[in-house]
C-alpha cells in the first residue's frame, strides 16, 4: 500500500533503499534513542529492510524520491509491549538532515488515519525515552495522552526509563 500526504509518500521499503537507509541509520543520534544500534554497513541496512521493515504496515517516509525515515504500526507479538486487543504501537524515525520540518508528525498523522479508518484499530500506543523530548513533542502534536511510565532494557542490556502514551479512535 502507498499512502500520500501533502509533502511525503509512505511506501514499502525496497532493497534498492539499502544505501540510503545506511546513510541515515549509521548516525548514532538516530538508532540508540529509538532503541536499536546504528547500522554498521549497507548489508546491515539491507537485512533490516528484508526483516524488520518488511513487516506489514511499516513504511519508508519518502521526500522527493528519497527515503528519509520510517514509520510503522506494530501489532502483537511484534510490538515492544502488549497493549491489549485492538491496539497497535506506533514507531517512527527521521534522518537527522530532515529534523525540525514536521515530517515525523505528518507521516505519523497519515498512518494514524489509516489505522483508525482502514484497519479498524481502536487505540494506538507509543513510547519514548524520557530524554527524547523531540519524540515526545511529535506525539503531543498528534494528540497522544500520557498512559504510564515504563522501565525497559535496550539492545545493550542497559536499563532505561520511557513514557508510554495513548491515542484512542
C-alpha atoms as a PDB file:
ATOM      1  CA  UNK A   1       0.000   0.000   0.000  1.00  0.00           C
ATOM      2  CA  UNK A   2       1.105   3.559  -0.678  1.00  0.00           C
ATOM      3  CA  UNK A   3      -0.107   6.483   1.423  1.00  0.00           C
ATOM      4  CA  UNK A   4       0.364  10.132   0.481  1.00  0.00           C
ATOM      5  CA  UNK A   5       0.434  13.396   2.408  1.00  0.00           C
ATOM      6  CA  UNK A   6       0.996  16.938   1.250  1.00  0.00           C
ATOM      7  CA  UNK A   7       4.813  16.575   1.350  1.00  0.00           C
ATOM      8  CA  UNK A   8       5.511  12.860   1.708  1.00  0.00           C
ATOM      9  CA  UNK A   9       4.882   9.416   0.300  1.00  0.00           C
ATOM     10  CA  UNK A  10       4.692   6.419   2.620  1.00  0.00           C
ATOM     11  CA  UNK A  11       5.571   3.262   0.740  1.00  0.00           C
ATOM     12  CA  UNK A  12       7.021  -0.183   1.416  1.00  0.00           C
ATOM     13  CA  UNK A  13      10.791  -0.363   1.731  1.00  0.00           C
ATOM     14  CA  UNK A  14      12.733  -1.703  -1.266  1.00  0.00           C
ATOM     15  CA  UNK A  15      16.098  -3.485  -1.417  1.00  0.00           C
ATOM     16  CA  UNK A  16      17.319  -0.549  -3.505  1.00  0.00           C
ATOM     17  CA  UNK A  17      16.802   1.718  -0.446  1.00  0.00           C
ATOM     18  CA  UNK A  18      19.603  -0.013   1.495  1.00  0.00           C
ATOM     19  CA  UNK A  19      22.350   2.511   0.721  1.00  0.00           C
ATOM     20  CA  UNK A  20      20.133   5.467   1.596  1.00  0.00           C
ATOM     21  CA  UNK A  21      18.937   3.736   4.771  1.00  0.00           C
ATOM     22  CA  UNK A  22      22.531   3.093   5.781  1.00  0.00           C
ATOM     23  CA  UNK A  23      23.368   6.778   5.278  1.00  0.00           C
ATOM     24  CA  UNK A  24      20.757   7.798   7.862  1.00  0.00           C
ATOM     25  CA  UNK A  25      20.758   4.749  10.158  1.00  0.00           C
ATOM     26  CA  UNK A  26      24.524   4.709  10.802  1.00  0.00           C
ATOM     27  CA  UNK A  27      24.103   8.026  12.643  1.00  0.00           C
ATOM     28  CA  UNK A  28      24.430   7.338  16.403  1.00  0.00           C
ATOM     29  CA  UNK A  29      21.869  10.094  17.083  1.00  0.00           C
ATOM     30  CA  UNK A  30      19.126   8.040  15.391  1.00  0.00           C
ATOM     31  CA  UNK A  31      19.078   4.374  16.404  1.00  0.00           C
ATOM     32  CA  UNK A  32      20.026   4.312  20.076  1.00  0.00           C
ATOM     33  CA  UNK A  33      17.385   6.871  21.071  1.00  0.00           C
ATOM     34  CA  UNK A  34      14.828   4.774  19.148  1.00  0.00           C
ATOM     35  CA  UNK A  35      16.052   1.519  20.697  1.00  0.00           C
ATOM     36  CA  UNK A  36      18.263  -0.006  18.024  1.00  0.00           C
ATOM     37  CA  UNK A  37      22.002   0.024  17.271  1.00  0.00           C
ATOM     38  CA  UNK A  38      23.432   2.196  14.493  1.00  0.00           C
ATOM     39  CA  UNK A  39      23.757   0.276  11.248  1.00  0.00           C
ATOM     40  CA  UNK A  40      27.306  -0.868  10.501  1.00  0.00           C
ATOM     41  CA  UNK A  41      27.095  -1.471   6.737  1.00  0.00           C
ATOM     42  CA  UNK A  42      24.844  -1.302   3.683  1.00  0.00           C
ATOM     43  CA  UNK A  43      24.405  -5.066   4.093  1.00  0.00           C
ATOM     44  CA  UNK A  44      23.192  -4.489   7.668  1.00  0.00           C
ATOM     45  CA  UNK A  45      20.626  -1.998   6.338  1.00  0.00           C
ATOM     46  CA  UNK A  46      19.527  -4.416   3.611  1.00  0.00           C
ATOM     47  CA  UNK A  47      18.980  -7.110   6.227  1.00  0.00           C
ATOM     48  CA  UNK A  48      16.826  -4.693   8.268  1.00  0.00           C
ATOM     49  CA  UNK A  49      14.776  -3.867   5.134  1.00  0.00           C
ATOM     50  CA  UNK A  50      14.207  -7.568   4.473  1.00  0.00           C
ATOM     51  CA  UNK A  51      13.270  -8.432   8.060  1.00  0.00           C
ATOM     52  CA  UNK A  52      12.184  -5.614  10.390  1.00  0.00           C
ATOM     53  CA  UNK A  53      10.978  -3.188   7.706  1.00  0.00           C
ATOM     54  CA  UNK A  54       9.262  -5.966   5.731  1.00  0.00           C
ATOM     55  CA  UNK A  55       6.551  -6.205   8.378  1.00  0.00           C
ATOM     56  CA  UNK A  56       3.020  -5.257   7.444  1.00  0.00           C
ATOM     57  CA  UNK A  57       2.229  -1.551   7.977  1.00  0.00           C
ATOM     58  CA  UNK A  58       5.889  -0.447   8.034  1.00  0.00           C
ATOM     59  CA  UNK A  59       6.673   2.293   5.529  1.00  0.00           C
ATOM     60  CA  UNK A  60       9.579   4.283   4.170  1.00  0.00           C
ATOM     61  CA  UNK A  61       8.932   8.002   4.588  1.00  0.00           C
ATOM     62  CA  UNK A  62       9.850   9.375   1.167  1.00  0.00           C
ATOM     63  CA  UNK A  63      10.538  13.031   0.359  1.00  0.00           C
ATOM     64  CA  UNK A  64      11.455  13.937  -3.241  1.00  0.00           C
ATOM     65  CA  UNK A  65      12.072  10.242  -4.064  1.00  0.00           C
ATOM     66  CA  UNK A  66      14.487   9.843  -1.113  1.00  0.00           C
ATOM     67  CA  UNK A  67      13.562   7.581   1.830  1.00  0.00           C
ATOM     68  CA  UNK A  68      14.316   9.899   4.770  1.00  0.00           C
ATOM     69  CA  UNK A  69      12.885   7.824   7.611  1.00  0.00           C
ATOM     70  CA  UNK A  70      10.472   5.146   8.673  1.00  0.00           C
ATOM     71  CA  UNK A  71       7.018   4.990  10.225  1.00  0.00           C
ATOM     72  CA  UNK A  72       5.136   1.890  11.197  1.00  0.00           C
ATOM     73  CA  UNK A  73       2.449   0.242  13.218  1.00  0.00           C
ATOM     74  CA  UNK A  74       3.433  -2.822  15.170  1.00  0.00           C
ATOM     75  CA  UNK A  75       0.908  -5.434  16.221  1.00  0.00           C
ATOM     76  CA  UNK A  76       1.244  -8.157  18.844  1.00  0.00           C
ATOM     77  CA  UNK A  77       3.502 -10.159  19.025  1.00  0.00           C
ATOM     78  CA  UNK A  78       5.862  -7.838  17.105  1.00  0.00           C
ATOM     79  CA  UNK A  79       5.412  -4.777  19.312  1.00  0.00           C
ATOM     80  CA  UNK A  80       7.633  -3.757  22.200  1.00  0.00           C
ATOM     81  CA  UNK A  81       4.846  -4.100  24.778  1.00  0.00           C
ATOM     82  CA  UNK A  82       1.468  -5.846  24.990  1.00  0.00           C
ATOM     83  CA  UNK A  83      -1.115  -3.056  24.733  1.00  0.00           C
ATOM     84  CA  UNK A  84      -4.289  -5.137  24.522  1.00  0.00           C
ATOM     85  CA  UNK A  85      -6.671  -6.382  21.841  1.00  0.00           C
ATOM     86  CA  UNK A  86      -7.405  -3.972  19.003  1.00  0.00           C
ATOM     87  CA  UNK A  87      -4.291  -1.923  19.734  1.00  0.00           C
ATOM     88  CA  UNK A  88      -1.206  -1.085  17.715  1.00  0.00           C
ATOM     89  CA  UNK A  89       2.120   0.529  18.570  1.00  0.00           C
ATOM     90  CA  UNK A  90       3.388   3.493  16.559  1.00  0.00           C
ATOM     91  CA  UNK A  91       7.084   3.884  15.828  1.00  0.00           C
ATOM     92  CA  UNK A  92       8.971   6.351  13.640  1.00  0.00           C
ATOM     93  CA  UNK A  93      12.308   7.999  12.966  1.00  0.00           C
ATOM     94  CA  UNK A  94      13.578  10.661  10.579  1.00  0.00           C
ATOM     95  CA  UNK A  95      17.117  11.162   9.258  1.00  0.00           C
ATOM     96  CA  UNK A  96      18.890  13.976  11.101  1.00  0.00           C
ATOM     97  CA  UNK A  97      19.189  16.151   7.995  1.00  0.00           C
ATOM     98  CA  UNK A  98      15.393  16.284   7.861  1.00  0.00           C
ATOM     99  CA  UNK A  99      14.660  17.029  11.536  1.00  0.00           C
ATOM    100  CA  UNK A 100      12.527  20.025  12.510  1.00  0.00           C
ATOM    101  CA  UNK A 101      10.424  20.024   9.337  1.00  0.00           C
ATOM    102  CA  UNK A 102       7.367  18.290  10.803  1.00  0.00           C
ATOM    103  CA  UNK A 103       7.874  15.144   8.720  1.00  0.00           C
ATOM    104  CA  UNK A 104       7.576  12.683  11.638  1.00  0.00           C
ATOM    105  CA  UNK A 105       4.297  14.333  12.622  1.00  0.00           C
ATOM    106  CA  UNK A 106       2.992  14.455   9.047  1.00  0.00           C
ATOM    107  CA  UNK A 107       3.844  10.810   8.299  1.00  0.00           C
ATOM    108  CA  UNK A 108       2.512   9.576  11.643  1.00  0.00           C
ATOM    109  CA  UNK A 109      -0.731  11.517  11.243  1.00  0.00           C
ATOM    110  CA  UNK A 110      -1.419   9.766   7.933  1.00  0.00           C
ATOM    111  CA  UNK A 111      -0.591   6.355   9.370  1.00  0.00           C
ATOM    112  CA  UNK A 112      -2.881   7.014  12.339  1.00  0.00           C
ATOM    113  CA  UNK A 113      -5.699   7.935   9.951  1.00  0.00           C
ATOM    114  CA  UNK A 114      -5.065   4.698   8.056  1.00  0.00           C
ATOM    115  CA  UNK A 115      -5.035   2.671  11.298  1.00  0.00           C
ATOM    116  CA  UNK A 116      -8.301   4.053  12.625  1.00  0.00           C
ATOM    117  CA  UNK A 117     -10.297   4.175   9.395  1.00  0.00           C
ATOM    118  CA  UNK A 118      -8.864   1.400   7.209  1.00  0.00           C
ATOM    119  CA  UNK A 119      -7.517  -1.121   9.739  1.00  0.00           C
ATOM    120  CA  UNK A 120     -10.148  -0.641  12.480  1.00  0.00           C
ATOM    121  CA  UNK A 121      -7.550  -0.189  15.206  1.00  0.00           C
ATOM    122  CA  UNK A 122      -9.177   1.042  18.439  1.00  0.00           C
ATOM    123  CA  UNK A 123      -6.139   2.530  20.182  1.00  0.00           C
ATOM    124  CA  UNK A 124      -2.569   3.389  19.263  1.00  0.00           C
ATOM    125  CA  UNK A 125       0.208   3.430  21.816  1.00  0.00           C
ATOM    126  CA  UNK A 126       3.716   4.782  21.562  1.00  0.00           C
ATOM    127  CA  UNK A 127       6.608   5.050  23.969  1.00  0.00           C
ATOM    128  CA  UNK A 128       9.671   7.226  24.028  1.00  0.00           C
ATOM    129  CA  UNK A 129      12.716   7.608  26.198  1.00  0.00           C
ATOM    130  CA  UNK A 130      12.288  10.304  28.791  1.00  0.00           C
ATOM    131  CA  UNK A 131      15.258  12.235  27.363  1.00  0.00           C
ATOM    132  CA  UNK A 132      13.889  12.117  23.792  1.00  0.00           C
ATOM    133  CA  UNK A 133      11.964  15.387  24.013  1.00  0.00           C
ATOM    134  CA  UNK A 134      11.621  15.623  20.197  1.00  0.00           C
ATOM    135  CA  UNK A 135       9.686  12.374  20.028  1.00  0.00           C
ATOM    136  CA  UNK A 136       7.545  13.406  22.968  1.00  0.00           C
ATOM    137  CA  UNK A 137       6.701  16.635  21.169  1.00  0.00           C
ATOM    138  CA  UNK A 138       5.694  14.766  17.988  1.00  0.00           C
ATOM    139  CA  UNK A 139       3.331  12.560  19.975  1.00  0.00           C
ATOM    140  CA  UNK A 140       1.884  15.551  21.802  1.00  0.00           C
ATOM    141  CA  UNK A 141       1.137  17.275  18.468  1.00  0.00           C
ATOM    142  CA  UNK A 142      -0.608  14.099  17.305  1.00  0.00           C
ATOM    143  CA  UNK A 143      -2.932  14.177  20.316  1.00  0.00           C
ATOM    144  CA  UNK A 144      -1.451  11.323  22.348  1.00  0.00           C
ATOM    145  CA  UNK A 145      -2.042  11.454  26.095  1.00  0.00           C
ATOM    146  CA  UNK A 146       0.079  10.138  28.944  1.00  0.00           C
ATOM    147  CA  UNK A 147      -0.625   6.468  29.709  1.00  0.00           C
ATOM    148  CA  UNK A 148       2.100   5.154  32.037  1.00  0.00           C
ATOM    149  CA  UNK A 149       5.805   5.072  32.848  1.00  0.00           C
ATOM    150  CA  UNK A 150       7.804   2.024  31.818  1.00  0.00           C
ATOM    151  CA  UNK A 151      11.166   0.549  32.658  1.00  0.00           C
ATOM    152  CA  UNK A 152      12.835  -1.145  29.728  1.00  0.00           C
ATOM    153  CA  UNK A 153      16.163  -2.611  28.631  1.00  0.00           C
ATOM    154  CA  UNK A 154      17.943  -1.596  25.420  1.00  0.00           C
ATOM    155  CA  UNK A 155      19.814  -3.728  22.889  1.00  0.00           C
ATOM    156  CA  UNK A 156      22.966  -3.469  25.082  1.00  0.00           C
ATOM    157  CA  UNK A 157      21.157  -4.759  28.156  1.00  0.00           C
ATOM    158  CA  UNK A 158      21.099  -1.298  29.780  1.00  0.00           C
ATOM    159  CA  UNK A 159      18.005  -0.231  31.706  1.00  0.00           C
ATOM    160  CA  UNK A 160      16.213   2.952  30.719  1.00  0.00           C
ATOM    161  CA  UNK A 161      13.021   4.833  31.546  1.00  0.00           C
ATOM    162  CA  UNK A 162      10.351   5.544  28.971  1.00  0.00           C
ATOM    163  CA  UNK A 163       6.997   7.247  28.819  1.00  0.00           C
ATOM    164  CA  UNK A 164       4.044   5.493  27.188  1.00  0.00           C
ATOM    165  CA  UNK A 165       1.267   7.480  25.574  1.00  0.00           C
ATOM    166  CA  UNK A 166      -2.077   6.527  24.044  1.00  0.00           C
ATOM    167  CA  UNK A 167      -4.389   7.789  21.319  1.00  0.00           C
ATOM    168  CA  UNK A 168      -7.920   6.448  21.013  1.00  0.00           C
ATOM    169  CA  UNK A 169     -10.120   6.369  17.946  1.00  0.00           C
END
